[in-house]
């Protein structure tokens, strides 16, 4: 299901929309391939970077 060298970028102004995408990927077993980035206070925070790399 995952092809080497392929990437997908999901962008949204609303965190809820990205949470839906992340939850659906987790539900089909692709959670290990998700890296969530979000901007809280003008600076990007990386969540779960170690597990993705």
PDB file of N, CA and C in Angstrom:
ATOM      1  N   UNK A   1       0.817  -1.187   0.000  1.00  0.00           N
ATOM      2  CA  UNK A   1       0.000   0.000   0.000  1.00  0.00           C
ATOM      3  C   UNK A   1       0.867   1.260   0.000  1.00  0.00           C
ATOM      4  N   UNK A   2       2.033   1.205   0.597  1.00  0.00           N
ATOM      5  CA  UNK A   2       2.936   2.351   0.618  1.00  0.00           C
ATOM      6  C   UNK A   2       4.048   2.108  -0.392  1.00  0.00           C
ATOM      7  N   UNK A   3       4.251   3.055  -1.277  1.00  0.00           N
ATOM      8  CA  UNK A   3       5.284   2.924  -2.300  1.00  0.00           C
ATOM      9  C   UNK A   3       6.534   3.683  -1.875  1.00  0.00           C
ATOM     10  N   UNK A   4       7.699   3.084  -2.062  1.00  0.00           N
ATOM     11  CA  UNK A   4       8.939   3.773  -1.720  1.00  0.00           C
ATOM     12  C   UNK A   4       9.094   5.073  -2.520  1.00  0.00           C
ATOM     13  N   UNK A   5       9.541   6.117  -1.836  1.00  0.00           N
ATOM     14  CA  UNK A   5       9.771   7.390  -2.503  1.00  0.00           C
ATOM     15  C   UNK A   5       8.542   8.255  -2.677  1.00  0.00           C
ATOM     16  N   UNK A   6       7.382   7.787  -2.260  1.00  0.00           N
ATOM     17  CA  UNK A   6       6.145   8.562  -2.406  1.00  0.00           C
ATOM     18  C   UNK A   6       5.859   9.314  -1.116  1.00  0.00           C
ATOM     19  N   UNK A   7       5.306  10.520  -1.256  1.00  0.00           N
ATOM     20  CA  UNK A   7       4.969  11.344  -0.107  1.00  0.00           C
ATOM     21  C   UNK A   7       3.599  11.972  -0.319  1.00  0.00           C
ATOM     22  N   UNK A   8       2.943  12.247   0.793  1.00  0.00           N
ATOM     23  CA  UNK A   8       1.665  12.952   0.761  1.00  0.00           C
ATOM     24  C   UNK A   8       1.734  14.061   1.799  1.00  0.00           C
ATOM     25  N   UNK A   9       1.275  15.236   1.439  1.00  0.00           N
ATOM     26  CA  UNK A   9       1.229  16.362   2.350  1.00  0.00           C
ATOM     27  C   UNK A   9      -0.218  16.802   2.481  1.00  0.00           C
ATOM     28  N   UNK A  10      -0.710  16.838   3.710  1.00  0.00           N
ATOM     29  CA  UNK A  10      -2.059  17.331   3.976  1.00  0.00           C
ATOM     30  C   UNK A  10      -1.931  18.636   4.744  1.00  0.00           C
ATOM     31  N   UNK A  11      -2.578  19.675   4.243  1.00  0.00           N
ATOM     32  CA  UNK A  11      -2.501  20.996   4.859  1.00  0.00           C
ATOM     33  C   UNK A  11      -3.913  21.485   5.125  1.00  0.00           C
ATOM     34  N   UNK A  12      -4.105  22.051   6.308  1.00  0.00           N
ATOM     35  CA  UNK A  12      -5.408  22.597   6.652  1.00  0.00           C
ATOM     36  C   UNK A  12      -5.230  23.708   7.674  1.00  0.00           C
ATOM     37  N   UNK A  13      -6.109  24.692   7.631  1.00  0.00           N
ATOM     38  CA  UNK A  13      -6.095  25.736   8.653  1.00  0.00           C
ATOM     39  C   UNK A  13      -6.689  25.226   9.958  1.00  0.00           C
ATOM     40  N   UNK A  14      -7.461  24.181   9.891  1.00  0.00           N
ATOM     41  CA  UNK A  14      -8.140  23.656  11.078  1.00  0.00           C
ATOM     42  C   UNK A  14      -7.490  22.357  11.535  1.00  0.00           C
ATOM     43  N   UNK A  15      -7.111  22.326  12.805  1.00  0.00           N
ATOM     44  CA  UNK A  15      -6.478  21.139  13.375  1.00  0.00           C
ATOM     45  C   UNK A  15      -7.426  19.946  13.351  1.00  0.00           C
ATOM     46  N   UNK A  16      -8.715  20.193  13.495  1.00  0.00           N
ATOM     47  CA  UNK A  16      -9.689  19.092  13.508  1.00  0.00           C
ATOM     48  C   UNK A  16      -9.669  18.316  12.195  1.00  0.00           C
ATOM     49  N   UNK A  17      -9.510  19.006  11.085  1.00  0.00           N
ATOM     50  CA  UNK A  17      -9.466  18.338   9.781  1.00  0.00           C
ATOM     51  C   UNK A  17      -8.241  17.438   9.683  1.00  0.00           C
ATOM     52  N   UNK A  18      -7.106  17.914  10.167  1.00  0.00           N
ATOM     53  CA  UNK A  18      -5.889  17.108  10.143  1.00  0.00           C
ATOM     54  C   UNK A  18      -6.002  15.921  11.095  1.00  0.00           C
ATOM     55  N   UNK A  19      -6.694  16.109  12.210  1.00  0.00           N
ATOM     56  CA  UNK A  19      -6.908  14.999  13.153  1.00  0.00           C
ATOM     57  C   UNK A  19      -7.726  13.893  12.509  1.00  0.00           C
ATOM     58  N   UNK A  20      -8.710  14.251  11.692  1.00  0.00           N
ATOM     59  CA  UNK A  20      -9.524  13.245  10.999  1.00  0.00           C
ATOM     60  C   UNK A  20      -8.644  12.442  10.045  1.00  0.00           C
ATOM     61  N   UNK A  21      -7.804  13.129   9.294  1.00  0.00           N
ATOM     62  CA  UNK A  21      -6.906  12.437   8.354  1.00  0.00           C
ATOM     63  C   UNK A  21      -5.963  11.515   9.128  1.00  0.00           C
ATOM     64  N   UNK A  22      -5.354  12.037  10.198  1.00  0.00           N
ATOM     65  CA  UNK A  22      -4.432  11.238  11.005  1.00  0.00           C
ATOM     66  C   UNK A  22      -5.129  10.013  11.597  1.00  0.00           C
ATOM     67  N   UNK A  23      -6.319  10.194  12.133  1.00  0.00           N
ATOM     68  CA  UNK A  23      -7.059   9.077  12.732  1.00  0.00           C
ATOM     69  C   UNK A  23      -7.421   8.023  11.697  1.00  0.00           C
ATOM     70  N   UNK A  24      -7.779   8.440  10.504  1.00  0.00           N
ATOM     71  CA  UNK A  24      -8.114   7.469   9.450  1.00  0.00           C
ATOM     72  C   UNK A  24      -6.884   6.688   9.003  1.00  0.00           C
ATOM     73  N   UNK A  25      -5.750   7.362   8.902  1.00  0.00           N
ATOM     74  CA  UNK A  25      -4.516   6.660   8.555  1.00  0.00           C
ATOM     75  C   UNK A  25      -4.128   5.665   9.648  1.00  0.00           C
ATOM     76  N   UNK A  26      -4.287   6.064  10.907  1.00  0.00           N
ATOM     77  CA  UNK A  26      -4.016   5.138  12.011  1.00  0.00           C
ATOM     78  C   UNK A  26      -4.952   3.929  11.949  1.00  0.00           C
ATOM     79  N   UNK A  27      -6.219   4.167  11.618  1.00  0.00           N
ATOM     80  CA  UNK A  27      -7.208   3.080  11.617  1.00  0.00           C
ATOM     81  C   UNK A  27      -6.945   2.035  10.536  1.00  0.00           C
ATOM     82  N   UNK A  28      -6.230   2.417   9.466  1.00  0.00           N
ATOM     83  CA  UNK A  28      -5.924   1.445   8.415  1.00  0.00           C
ATOM     84  C   UNK A  28      -4.480   0.956   8.480  1.00  0.00           C
ATOM     85  N   UNK A  29      -3.829   1.234   9.619  1.00  0.00           N
ATOM     86  CA  UNK A  29      -2.496   0.691   9.838  1.00  0.00           C
ATOM     87  C   UNK A  29      -1.350   1.514   9.298  1.00  0.00           C
ATOM     88  N   UNK A  30      -1.601   2.765   8.944  1.00  0.00           N
ATOM     89  CA  UNK A  30      -0.541   3.617   8.408  1.00  0.00           C
ATOM     90  C   UNK A  30      -0.070   4.662   9.420  1.00  0.00           C
ATOM     91  N   UNK A  31      -0.412   4.473  10.666  1.00  0.00           N
ATOM     92  CA  UNK A  31      -0.048   5.433  11.703  1.00  0.00           C
ATOM     93  C   UNK A  31       1.443   5.623  11.878  1.00  0.00           C
ATOM     94  N   UNK A  32       2.228   4.592  11.585  1.00  0.00           N
ATOM     95  CA  UNK A  32       3.676   4.700  11.720  1.00  0.00           C
ATOM     96  C   UNK A  32       4.292   5.614  10.666  1.00  0.00           C
ATOM     97  N   UNK A  33       3.527   5.967   9.658  1.00  0.00           N
ATOM     98  CA  UNK A  33       4.033   6.795   8.573  1.00  0.00           C
ATOM     99  C   UNK A  33       3.542   8.242   8.661  1.00  0.00           C
ATOM    100  N   UNK A  34       2.934   8.603   9.790  1.00  0.00           N
ATOM    101  CA  UNK A  34       2.363   9.936   9.965  1.00  0.00           C
ATOM    102  C   UNK A  34       3.301  10.789  10.817  1.00  0.00           C
ATOM    103  N   UNK A  35       3.575  11.989  10.345  1.00  0.00           N
ATOM    104  CA  UNK A  35       4.318  12.965  11.135  1.00  0.00           C
ATOM    105  C   UNK A  35       3.445  14.211  11.220  1.00  0.00           C
ATOM    106  N   UNK A  36       3.025  14.544  12.426  1.00  0.00           N
ATOM    107  CA  UNK A  36       2.150  15.694  12.622  1.00  0.00           C
ATOM    108  C   UNK A  36       2.972  16.924  12.973  1.00  0.00           C
ATOM    109  N   UNK A  37       2.788  17.961  12.209  1.00  0.00           N
ATOM    110  CA  UNK A  37       3.398  19.263  12.491  1.00  0.00           C
ATOM    111  C   UNK A  37       2.266  20.257  12.704  1.00  0.00           C
ATOM    112  N   UNK A  38       2.382  21.041  13.730  1.00  0.00           N
ATOM    113  CA  UNK A  38       1.365  22.064  13.934  1.00  0.00           C
ATOM    114  C   UNK A  38       2.019  23.314  14.498  1.00  0.00           C
ATOM    115  N   UNK A  39       1.431  24.434  14.192  1.00  0.00           N
ATOM    116  CA  UNK A  39       1.950  25.713  14.658  1.00  0.00           C
ATOM    117  C   UNK A  39       1.088  26.181  15.816  1.00  0.00           C
ATOM    118  N   UNK A  40       1.688  26.294  16.975  1.00  0.00           N
ATOM    119  CA  UNK A  40       0.938  26.722  18.153  1.00  0.00           C
ATOM    120  C   UNK A  40       1.084  28.201  18.415  1.00  0.00           C
ATOM    121  N   UNK A  41       2.297  28.645  18.580  1.00  0.00           N
ATOM    122  CA  UNK A  41       2.534  30.039  18.936  1.00  0.00           C
ATOM    123  C   UNK A  41       3.589  30.652  18.012  1.00  0.00           C
ATOM    124  N   UNK A  42       3.375  30.517  16.714  1.00  0.00           N
ATOM    125  CA  UNK A  42       4.285  31.093  15.747  1.00  0.00           C
ATOM    126  C   UNK A  42       5.511  30.237  15.470  1.00  0.00           C
ATOM    127  N   UNK A  43       5.566  29.078  16.075  1.00  0.00           N
ATOM    128  CA  UNK A  43       6.713  28.191  15.907  1.00  0.00           C
ATOM    129  C   UNK A  43       6.200  26.767  15.694  1.00  0.00           C
ATOM    130  N   UNK A  44       6.711  26.080  14.727  1.00  0.00           N
ATOM    131  CA  UNK A  44       6.241  24.719  14.421  1.00  0.00           C
ATOM    132  C   UNK A  44       6.730  23.745  15.488  1.00  0.00           C
ATOM    133  N   UNK A  45       5.841  22.904  15.981  1.00  0.00           N
ATOM    134  CA  UNK A  45       6.167  21.857  16.932  1.00  0.00           C
ATOM    135  C   UNK A  45       6.104  20.521  16.214  1.00  0.00           C
ATOM    136  N   UNK A  46       7.064  19.661  16.461  1.00  0.00           N
ATOM    137  CA  UNK A  46       7.106  18.348  15.827  1.00  0.00           C
ATOM    138  C   UNK A  46       6.628  17.325  16.839  1.00  0.00           C
ATOM    139  N   UNK A  47       5.622  16.542  16.438  1.00  0.00           N
ATOM    140  CA  UNK A  47       5.059  15.517  17.311  1.00  0.00           C
ATOM    141  C   UNK A  47       5.376  14.144  16.727  1.00  0.00           C
ATOM    142  N   UNK A  48       6.024  13.307  17.489  1.00  0.00           N
ATOM    143  CA  UNK A  48       6.282  11.948  17.062  1.00  0.00           C
ATOM    144  C   UNK A  48       7.354  11.810  16.004  1.00  0.00           C
ATOM    145  N   UNK A  49       8.299  12.715  15.937  1.00  0.00           N
ATOM    146  CA  UNK A  49       9.309  12.682  14.896  1.00  0.00           C
ATOM    147  C   UNK A  49      10.179  11.440  14.979  1.00  0.00           C
ATOM    148  N   UNK A  50      10.554  11.032  16.166  1.00  0.00           N
ATOM    149  CA  UNK A  50      11.420   9.863  16.339  1.00  0.00           C
ATOM    150  C   UNK A  50      10.776   8.596  15.760  1.00  0.00           C
ATOM    151  N   UNK A  51       9.490   8.417  15.967  1.00  0.00           N
ATOM    152  CA  UNK A  51       8.835   7.196  15.479  1.00  0.00           C
ATOM    153  C   UNK A  51       8.710   7.187  13.954  1.00  0.00           C
ATOM    154  N   UNK A  52       8.683   8.350  13.325  1.00  0.00           N
ATOM    155  CA  UNK A  52       8.560   8.435  11.878  1.00  0.00           C
ATOM    156  C   UNK A  52       9.913   8.192  11.205  1.00  0.00           C
ATOM    157  N   UNK A  53      10.956   8.744  11.808  1.00  0.00           N
ATOM    158  CA  UNK A  53      12.301   8.595  11.225  1.00  0.00           C
ATOM    159  C   UNK A  53      12.789   7.216  11.536  1.00  0.00           C
TER     160      UNK A  53
END
